[in-house]
C-alpha atoms as a PDB file:
ATOM      1  CA  UNK A   1      14.528-219.812   6.051  1.00  0.00           C
ATOM      2  CA  UNK A   2      18.023-218.671   7.033  1.00  0.00           C
ATOM      3  CA  UNK A   3      16.683-216.574   9.894  1.00  0.00           C
ATOM      4  CA  UNK A   4      14.621-219.510  11.163  1.00  0.00           C
ATOM      5  CA  UNK A   5      17.661-221.780  11.164  1.00  0.00           C
ATOM      6  CA  UNK A   6      19.747-219.091  12.850  1.00  0.00           C
ATOM      7  CA  UNK A   7      17.156-218.876  15.603  1.00  0.00           C
ATOM      8  CA  UNK A   8      16.536-222.619  15.913  1.00  0.00           C
ATOM      9  CA  UNK A   9      20.157-223.687  16.263  1.00  0.00           C
ATOM     10  CA  UNK A  10      20.925-221.537  19.326  1.00  0.00           C
ATOM     11  CA  UNK A  11      17.644-222.646  20.896  1.00  0.00           C
ATOM     12  CA  UNK A  12      18.549-226.261  20.222  1.00  0.00           C
ATOM     13  CA  UNK A  13      22.009-225.767  21.726  1.00  0.00           C
ATOM     14  CA  UNK A  14      20.578-224.057  24.801  1.00  0.00           C
ATOM     15  CA  UNK A  15      18.153-226.919  25.244  1.00  0.00           C
ATOM     16  CA  UNK A  16      20.960-229.456  24.985  1.00  0.00           C
ATOM     17  CA  UNK A  17      23.472-227.881  27.364  1.00  0.00           C
ATOM     18  CA  UNK A  18      21.011-226.112  29.633  1.00  0.00           C
ATOM     19  CA  UNK A  19      19.762-227.455  32.932  1.00  0.00           C
ATOM     20  CA  UNK A  20      16.291-228.697  33.732  1.00  0.00           C
ATOM     21  CA  UNK A  21      14.522-228.631  37.063  1.00  0.00           C
ATOM     22  CA  UNK A  22      14.765-231.726  39.236  1.00  0.00           C
ATOM     23  CA  UNK A  23      11.639-233.856  39.615  1.00  0.00           C
ATOM     24  CA  UNK A  24       9.918-234.208  42.964  1.00  0.00           C
ATOM     25  CA  UNK A  25      11.392-236.723  45.384  1.00  0.00           C
ATOM     26  CA  UNK A  26       8.381-238.995  45.007  1.00  0.00           C
ATOM     27  CA  UNK A  27       9.143-239.280  41.268  1.00  0.00           C
ATOM     28  CA  UNK A  28      12.747-240.257  41.989  1.00  0.00           C
ATOM     29  CA  UNK A  29      11.606-242.916  44.469  1.00  0.00           C
ATOM     30  CA  UNK A  30       8.833-244.155  42.170  1.00  0.00           C
ATOM     31  CA  UNK A  31      11.277-244.613  39.284  1.00  0.00           C
ATOM     32  CA  UNK A  32      13.628-246.540  41.582  1.00  0.00           C
ATOM     33  CA  UNK A  33      10.774-248.845  42.575  1.00  0.00           C
ATOM     34  CA  UNK A  34       9.822-249.271  38.903  1.00  0.00           C
ATOM     35  CA  UNK A  35      13.415-250.189  38.046  1.00  0.00           C
ATOM     36  CA  UNK A  36      13.477-252.741  40.864  1.00  0.00           C
ATOM     37  CA  UNK A  37      10.221-254.180  39.575  1.00  0.00           C
ATOM     38  CA  UNK A  38      11.812-255.099  36.235  1.00  0.00           C
ATOM     39  CA  UNK A  39      15.144-256.245  37.699  1.00  0.00           C
ATOM     40  CA  UNK A  40      14.146-258.516  40.579  1.00  0.00           C
ATOM     41  CA  UNK A  41      11.333-260.750  39.182  1.00  0.00           C
ATOM     42  CA  UNK A  42      12.898-263.332  36.891  1.00  0.00           C
ATOM     43  CA  UNK A  43      10.206-263.262  34.133  1.00  0.00           C
ATOM     44  CA  UNK A  44      10.549-259.490  33.705  1.00  0.00           C
ATOM     45  CA  UNK A  45      14.328-259.648  34.055  1.00  0.00           C
ATOM     46  CA  UNK A  46      14.530-262.050  31.093  1.00  0.00           C
ATOM     47  CA  UNK A  47      13.135-259.251  28.939  1.00  0.00           C
ATOM     48  CA  UNK A  48      14.685-256.176  30.547  1.00  0.00           C
ATOM     49  CA  UNK A  49      18.128-257.784  30.647  1.00  0.00           C
ATOM     50  CA  UNK A  50      18.376-257.118  26.907  1.00  0.00           C
ATOM     51  CA  UNK A  51      19.012-253.474  27.747  1.00  0.00           C
ATOM     52  CA  UNK A  52      21.835-254.446  30.106  1.00  0.00           C
ATOM     53  CA  UNK A  53      23.294-256.612  27.353  1.00  0.00           C
ATOM     54  CA  UNK A  54      23.302-253.595  25.030  1.00  0.00           C
ATOM     55  CA  UNK A  55      25.312-251.642  27.620  1.00  0.00           C
ATOM     56  CA  UNK A  56      27.566-254.665  28.307  1.00  0.00           C
ATOM     57  CA  UNK A  57      28.500-255.266  24.684  1.00  0.00           C
ATOM     58  CA  UNK A  58      28.630-251.539  23.994  1.00  0.00           C
ATOM     59  CA  UNK A  59      31.193-251.257  26.782  1.00  0.00           C
ATOM     60  CA  UNK A  60      33.350-253.937  25.168  1.00  0.00           C
ATOM     61  CA  UNK A  61      33.089-252.193  21.799  1.00  0.00           C
ATOM     62  CA  UNK A  62      33.787-248.673  23.039  1.00  0.00           C
ATOM     63  CA  UNK A  63      36.849-249.654  25.056  1.00  0.00           C
ATOM     64  CA  UNK A  64      38.148-251.755  22.149  1.00  0.00           C
ATOM     65  CA  UNK A  65      38.058-248.659  19.955  1.00  0.00           C
ATOM     66  CA  UNK A  66      39.570-246.411  22.631  1.00  0.00           C
ATOM     67  CA  UNK A  67      42.494-248.809  23.130  1.00  0.00           C
ATOM     68  CA  UNK A  68      43.275-248.975  19.422  1.00  0.00           C
ATOM     69  CA  UNK A  69      41.686-252.288  18.584  1.00  0.00           C
ATOM     70  CA  UNK A  70      39.629-252.763  15.420  1.00  0.00           C
ATOM     71  CA  UNK A  71      35.974-253.388  16.224  1.00  0.00           C
ATOM     72  CA  UNK A  72      34.524-255.772  13.621  1.00  0.00           C
ATOM     73  CA  UNK A  73      31.034-256.405  14.945  1.00  0.00           C
ATOM     74  CA  UNK A  74      28.579-256.808  17.802  1.00  0.00           C
ATOM     75  CA  UNK A  75      25.832-259.423  18.106  1.00  0.00           C
ATOM     76  CA  UNK A  76      22.915-259.426  20.539  1.00  0.00           C
ATOM     77  CA  UNK A  77      20.934-262.631  20.995  1.00  0.00           C
ATOM     78  CA  UNK A  78      17.382-263.336  22.129  1.00  0.00           C
ATOM     79  CA  UNK A  79      18.635-265.263  25.183  1.00  0.00           C
ATOM     80  CA  UNK A  80      20.157-261.932  26.371  1.00  0.00           C
ATOM     81  CA  UNK A  81      23.693-263.069  25.602  1.00  0.00           C
ATOM     82  CA  UNK A  82      25.949-261.101  23.297  1.00  0.00           C
ATOM     83  CA  UNK A  83      29.262-261.171  21.473  1.00  0.00           C
ATOM     84  CA  UNK A  84      31.667-258.384  20.596  1.00  0.00           C
ATOM     85  CA  UNK A  85      34.493-259.161  18.186  1.00  0.00           C
ATOM     86  CA  UNK A  86      37.561-256.965  17.813  1.00  0.00           C
ATOM     87  CA  UNK A  87      40.909-257.454  16.123  1.00  0.00           C
ATOM     88  CA  UNK A  88      44.307-256.685  17.562  1.00  0.00           C
ATOM     89  CA  UNK A  89      46.884-258.232  19.831  1.00  0.00           C
ATOM     90  CA  UNK A  90      45.348-261.182  21.730  1.00  0.00           C
ATOM     91  CA  UNK A  91      47.076-259.980  24.904  1.00  0.00           C
ATOM     92  CA  UNK A  92      48.219-256.779  26.534  1.00  0.00           C
ATOM     93  CA  UNK A  93      46.523-253.864  28.253  1.00  0.00           C
ATOM     94  CA  UNK A  94      44.096-253.123  25.424  1.00  0.00           C
ATOM     95  CA  UNK A  95      42.713-256.646  25.453  1.00  0.00           C
ATOM     96  CA  UNK A  96      42.494-256.671  29.261  1.00  0.00           C
ATOM     97  CA  UNK A  97      40.593-253.386  29.391  1.00  0.00           C
ATOM     98  CA  UNK A  98      38.269-254.528  26.602  1.00  0.00           C
ATOM     99  CA  UNK A  99      37.452-257.766  28.425  1.00  0.00           C
ATOM    100  CA  UNK A 100      36.930-255.951  31.726  1.00  0.00           C
ATOM    101  CA  UNK A 101      34.594-253.359  30.218  1.00  0.00           C
ATOM    102  CA  UNK A 102      31.557-255.612  29.796  1.00  0.00           C
ATOM    103  CA  UNK A 103      30.308-256.215  33.331  1.00  0.00           C
ATOM    104  CA  UNK A 104      31.489-252.808  34.500  1.00  0.00           C
ATOM    105  CA  UNK A 105      29.865-250.795  31.675  1.00  0.00           C
ATOM    106  CA  UNK A 106      26.194-250.811  32.813  1.00  0.00           C
ATOM    107  CA  UNK A 107      26.861-249.627  36.409  1.00  0.00           C
ATOM    108  CA  UNK A 108      29.452-247.085  35.274  1.00  0.00           C
ATOM    109  CA  UNK A 109      27.049-245.745  32.643  1.00  0.00           C
ATOM    110  CA  UNK A 110      24.456-245.534  35.394  1.00  0.00           C
ATOM    111  CA  UNK A 111      26.899-243.651  37.592  1.00  0.00           C
ATOM    112  CA  UNK A 112      27.678-241.215  34.800  1.00  0.00           C
ATOM    113  CA  UNK A 113      23.969-240.783  34.143  1.00  0.00           C
ATOM    114  CA  UNK A 114      23.356-240.108  37.829  1.00  0.00           C
ATOM    115  CA  UNK A 115      26.044-237.401  37.742  1.00  0.00           C
ATOM    116  CA  UNK A 116      24.323-235.737  34.770  1.00  0.00           C
ATOM    117  CA  UNK A 117      20.926-235.911  36.441  1.00  0.00           C
ATOM    118  CA  UNK A 118      22.383-234.573  39.666  1.00  0.00           C
ATOM    119  CA  UNK A 119      23.585-231.568  37.637  1.00  0.00           C
ATOM    120  CA  UNK A 120      20.158-231.128  36.035  1.00  0.00           C
ATOM    121  CA  UNK A 121      21.287-232.246  32.557  1.00  0.00           C
ATOM    122  CA  UNK A 122      18.257-234.360  31.716  1.00  0.00           C
ATOM    123  CA  UNK A 123      18.080-233.475  28.010  1.00  0.00           C
ATOM    124  CA  UNK A 124      21.819-233.932  27.560  1.00  0.00           C
ATOM    125  CA  UNK A 125      21.573-237.409  29.090  1.00  0.00           C
ATOM    126  CA  UNK A 126      18.779-238.443  26.711  1.00  0.00           C
ATOM    127  CA  UNK A 127      20.607-237.135  23.645  1.00  0.00           C
ATOM    128  CA  UNK A 128      23.920-238.707  24.615  1.00  0.00           C
ATOM    129  CA  UNK A 129      22.205-242.061  25.113  1.00  0.00           C
ATOM    130  CA  UNK A 130      20.539-241.748  21.701  1.00  0.00           C
ATOM    131  CA  UNK A 131      23.850-240.889  20.040  1.00  0.00           C
ATOM    132  CA  UNK A 132      25.597-243.874  21.625  1.00  0.00           C
ATOM    133  CA  UNK A 133      22.829-246.224  20.476  1.00  0.00           C
ATOM    134  CA  UNK A 134      23.001-244.872  16.923  1.00  0.00           C
ATOM    135  CA  UNK A 135      26.776-245.353  16.893  1.00  0.00           C
ATOM    136  CA  UNK A 136      26.371-248.890  18.224  1.00  0.00           C
ATOM    137  CA  UNK A 137      23.772-249.729  15.564  1.00  0.00           C
ATOM    138  CA  UNK A 138      26.423-249.309  12.871  1.00  0.00           C
ATOM    139  CA  UNK A 139      28.393-252.210  14.366  1.00  0.00           C
ATOM    140  CA  UNK A 140      25.477-254.616  14.941  1.00  0.00           C
ATOM    141  CA  UNK A 141      25.795-257.724  12.808  1.00  0.00           C
ATOM    142  CA  UNK A 142      22.524-259.636  13.351  1.00  0.00           C
ATOM    143  CA  UNK A 143      18.844-258.900  12.871  1.00  0.00           C
ATOM    144  CA  UNK A 144      17.757-259.387  16.483  1.00  0.00           C
ATOM    145  CA  UNK A 145      20.509-257.100  17.707  1.00  0.00           C
ATOM    146  CA  UNK A 146      19.590-254.425  15.173  1.00  0.00           C
ATOM    147  CA  UNK A 147      15.914-254.640  16.171  1.00  0.00           C
ATOM    148  CA  UNK A 148      16.750-254.355  19.871  1.00  0.00           C
ATOM    149  CA  UNK A 149      18.978-251.310  19.394  1.00  0.00           C
ATOM    150  CA  UNK A 150      16.522-249.607  17.009  1.00  0.00           C
ATOM    151  CA  UNK A 151      13.623-250.053  19.452  1.00  0.00           C
ATOM    152  CA  UNK A 152      15.719-248.804  22.382  1.00  0.00           C
ATOM    153  CA  UNK A 153      17.153-245.865  20.461  1.00  0.00           C
ATOM    154  CA  UNK A 154      13.745-245.007  19.020  1.00  0.00           C
ATOM    155  CA  UNK A 155      12.295-244.871  22.518  1.00  0.00           C
ATOM    156  CA  UNK A 156      14.980-242.439  23.648  1.00  0.00           C
ATOM    157  CA  UNK A 157      14.465-240.320  20.529  1.00  0.00           C
ATOM    158  CA  UNK A 158      10.696-240.123  20.922  1.00  0.00           C
ATOM    159  CA  UNK A 159      10.912-239.215  24.589  1.00  0.00           C
ATOM    160  CA  UNK A 160      13.599-236.578  24.052  1.00  0.00           C
ATOM    161  CA  UNK A 161      11.727-234.912  21.163  1.00  0.00           C
ATOM    162  CA  UNK A 162       8.035-235.349  21.904  1.00  0.00           C
ATOM    163  CA  UNK A 163       7.566-235.794  25.650  1.00  0.00           C
ATOM    164  CA  UNK A 164       7.146-232.970  28.112  1.00  0.00           C
ATOM    165  CA  UNK A 165       9.761-232.065  30.740  1.00  0.00           C
ATOM    166  CA  UNK A 166       8.130-234.127  33.516  1.00  0.00           C
ATOM    167  CA  UNK A 167       7.913-237.252  31.360  1.00  0.00           C
ATOM    168  CA  UNK A 168      11.502-236.778  30.192  1.00  0.00           C
ATOM    169  CA  UNK A 169      12.685-236.462  33.781  1.00  0.00           C
ATOM    170  CA  UNK A 170      10.803-239.562  34.925  1.00  0.00           C
ATOM    171  CA  UNK A 171      12.077-241.566  31.951  1.00  0.00           C
ATOM    172  CA  UNK A 172      15.689-240.448  32.479  1.00  0.00           C
ATOM    173  CA  UNK A 173      15.606-241.303  36.192  1.00  0.00           C
ATOM    174  CA  UNK A 174      14.027-244.688  35.475  1.00  0.00           C
ATOM    175  CA  UNK A 175      16.748-245.502  32.927  1.00  0.00           C
ATOM    176  CA  UNK A 176      19.577-244.521  35.258  1.00  0.00           C
ATOM    177  CA  UNK A 177      18.079-246.447  38.184  1.00  0.00           C
ATOM    178  CA  UNK A 178      17.717-249.446  35.892  1.00  0.00           C
ATOM    179  CA  UNK A 179      21.382-249.295  34.850  1.00  0.00           C
ATOM    180  CA  UNK A 180      22.506-248.979  38.472  1.00  0.00           C
ATOM    181  CA  UNK A 181      20.264-251.743  39.819  1.00  0.00           C
ATOM    182  CA  UNK A 182      20.401-253.951  36.744  1.00  0.00           C
ATOM    183  CA  UNK A 183      24.171-253.615  36.651  1.00  0.00           C
ATOM    184  CA  UNK A 184      24.416-255.446  39.982  1.00  0.00           C
ATOM    185  CA  UNK A 185      22.544-258.626  39.082  1.00  0.00           C
ATOM    186  CA  UNK A 186      24.702-259.997  36.186  1.00  0.00           C
ATOM    187  CA  UNK A 187      27.782-260.405  38.391  1.00  0.00           C
ATOM    188  CA  UNK A 188      25.769-262.460  40.879  1.00  0.00           C
ATOM    189  CA  UNK A 189      24.335-264.550  38.047  1.00  0.00           C
ATOM    190  CA  UNK A 190      27.844-265.194  36.746  1.00  0.00           C
ATOM    191  CA  UNK A 191      28.968-266.179  40.236  1.00  0.00           C
ATOM    192  CA  UNK A 192      26.121-268.700  40.497  1.00  0.00           C
ATOM    193  CA  UNK A 193      26.901-270.186  37.078  1.00  0.00           C
ATOM    194  CA  UNK A 194      30.581-270.562  37.932  1.00  0.00           C
ATOM    195  CA  UNK A 195      29.730-272.198  41.275  1.00  0.00           C
ATOM    196  CA  UNK A 196      27.819-274.835  39.289  1.00  0.00           C
ATOM    197  CA  UNK A 197      30.729-275.407  36.936  1.00  0.00           C
ATOM    198  CA  UNK A 198      29.304-273.340  34.073  1.00  0.00           C
ATOM    199  CA  UNK A 199      30.374-270.175  32.225  1.00  0.00           C
ATOM    200  CA  UNK A 200      33.892-271.497  31.695  1.00  0.00           C
ATOM    201  CA  UNK A 201      34.627-268.893  29.044  1.00  0.00           C
ATOM    202  CA  UNK A 202      33.130-265.901  30.849  1.00  0.00           C
ATOM    203  CA  UNK A 203      34.747-262.467  30.892  1.00  0.00           C
ATOM    204  CA  UNK A 204      36.219-263.270  34.316  1.00  0.00           C
ATOM    205  CA  UNK A 205      37.816-266.467  32.984  1.00  0.00           C
ATOM    206  CA  UNK A 206      39.164-264.690  29.915  1.00  0.00           C
ATOM    207  CA  UNK A 207      40.658-262.020  32.160  1.00  0.00           C
ATOM    208  CA  UNK A 208      42.173-264.717  34.326  1.00  0.00           C
ATOM    209  CA  UNK A 209      43.924-266.223  31.325  1.00  0.00           C
ATOM    210  CA  UNK A 210      45.114-262.794  30.181  1.00  0.00           C
ATOM    211  CA  UNK A 211      46.459-261.659  33.560  1.00  0.00           C
ATOM    212  CA  UNK A 212      47.122-264.895  35.481  1.00  0.00           C
ATOM    213  CA  UNK A 213      44.914-263.466  38.235  1.00  0.00           C
ATOM    214  CA  UNK A 214      42.216-265.836  39.567  1.00  0.00           C
ATOM    215  CA  UNK A 215      38.819-265.382  37.943  1.00  0.00           C
ATOM    216  CA  UNK A 216      37.291-265.053  41.409  1.00  0.00           C
ATOM    217  CA  UNK A 217      39.212-261.818  41.946  1.00  0.00           C
ATOM    218  CA  UNK A 218      37.937-260.406  38.662  1.00  0.00           C
ATOM    219  CA  UNK A 219      34.424-261.398  39.683  1.00  0.00           C
ATOM    220  CA  UNK A 220      34.995-259.617  42.992  1.00  0.00           C
ATOM    221  CA  UNK A 221      36.023-256.508  41.017  1.00  0.00           C
ATOM    222  CA  UNK A 222      32.763-256.677  39.060  1.00  0.00           C
ATOM    223  CA  UNK A 223      30.852-256.789  42.361  1.00  0.00           C
ATOM    224  CA  UNK A 224      32.813-253.862  43.805  1.00  0.00           C
ATOM    225  CA  UNK A 225      32.285-251.666  40.738  1.00  0.00           C
ATOM    226  CA  UNK A 226      28.552-252.381  40.469  1.00  0.00           C
ATOM    227  CA  UNK A 227      27.810-251.965  44.178  1.00  0.00           C
ATOM    228  CA  UNK A 228      29.922-248.813  44.551  1.00  0.00           C
ATOM    229  CA  UNK A 229      28.273-247.325  41.456  1.00  0.00           C
ATOM    230  CA  UNK A 230      24.852-248.117  42.913  1.00  0.00           C
ATOM    231  CA  UNK A 231      25.683-246.445  46.212  1.00  0.00           C
ATOM    232  CA  UNK A 232      27.317-243.411  44.629  1.00  0.00           C
ATOM    233  CA  UNK A 233      24.714-243.016  41.908  1.00  0.00           C
ATOM    234  CA  UNK A 234      21.894-243.515  44.368  1.00  0.00           C
ATOM    235  CA  UNK A 235      23.202-240.684  46.550  1.00  0.00           C
ATOM    236  CA  UNK A 236      23.307-238.345  43.542  1.00  0.00           C
ATOM    237  CA  UNK A 237      19.808-239.282  42.429  1.00  0.00           C
ATOM    238  CA  UNK A 238      18.383-238.864  45.918  1.00  0.00           C
ATOM    239  CA  UNK A 239      20.498-235.728  46.469  1.00  0.00           C
ATOM    240  CA  UNK A 240      21.867-237.034  49.754  1.00  0.00           C
END
């Protein structure tokens, strides 16, 4: 038993930190098309947007913890909205960074994922994503949110443990493309809502109140981050 464990652990570590071969270019392009197919059509986007909401609220929660705030809970709702509650000073840099982390989290996670895939770290990407989802599950405070995170995390776990290298690669590329492409659309949706007089308490409006900078400039920042991440991440994925 001891010898088996001694052999398995190094193998597991090598699998985690080792590199995997890149998929063929047609796989990379096919996964990009698949990601577009669930981001652009509105009926599919209403479902797939739940994954972007997980990244959005996870970004709020992670930055709240990193800036010394006390994270008390995260809720994910069936209408793809979410709420992250943290305690601490209602102003200052920590609160500003926490509020700014939501819309920027999905594209930045996609950019980080593209960097890992560009370095051939497919398994590491899948395991890191699973670990982040497990950590987030601890802070979920409603049944729908828990179900959404469990299903998403379970999918990552099954693929990383049971699927072959080609399936893992295709899945990882599809996820990263989805974060990059899906991270662009929410900022445009927020812009449309604000143009119609809605979303008065959006992240951009909260940031405006915190910094006395117009909400439109914060919305512009969200656009810049998501579009730059898409361009940079896309170049890594396509190896340009």
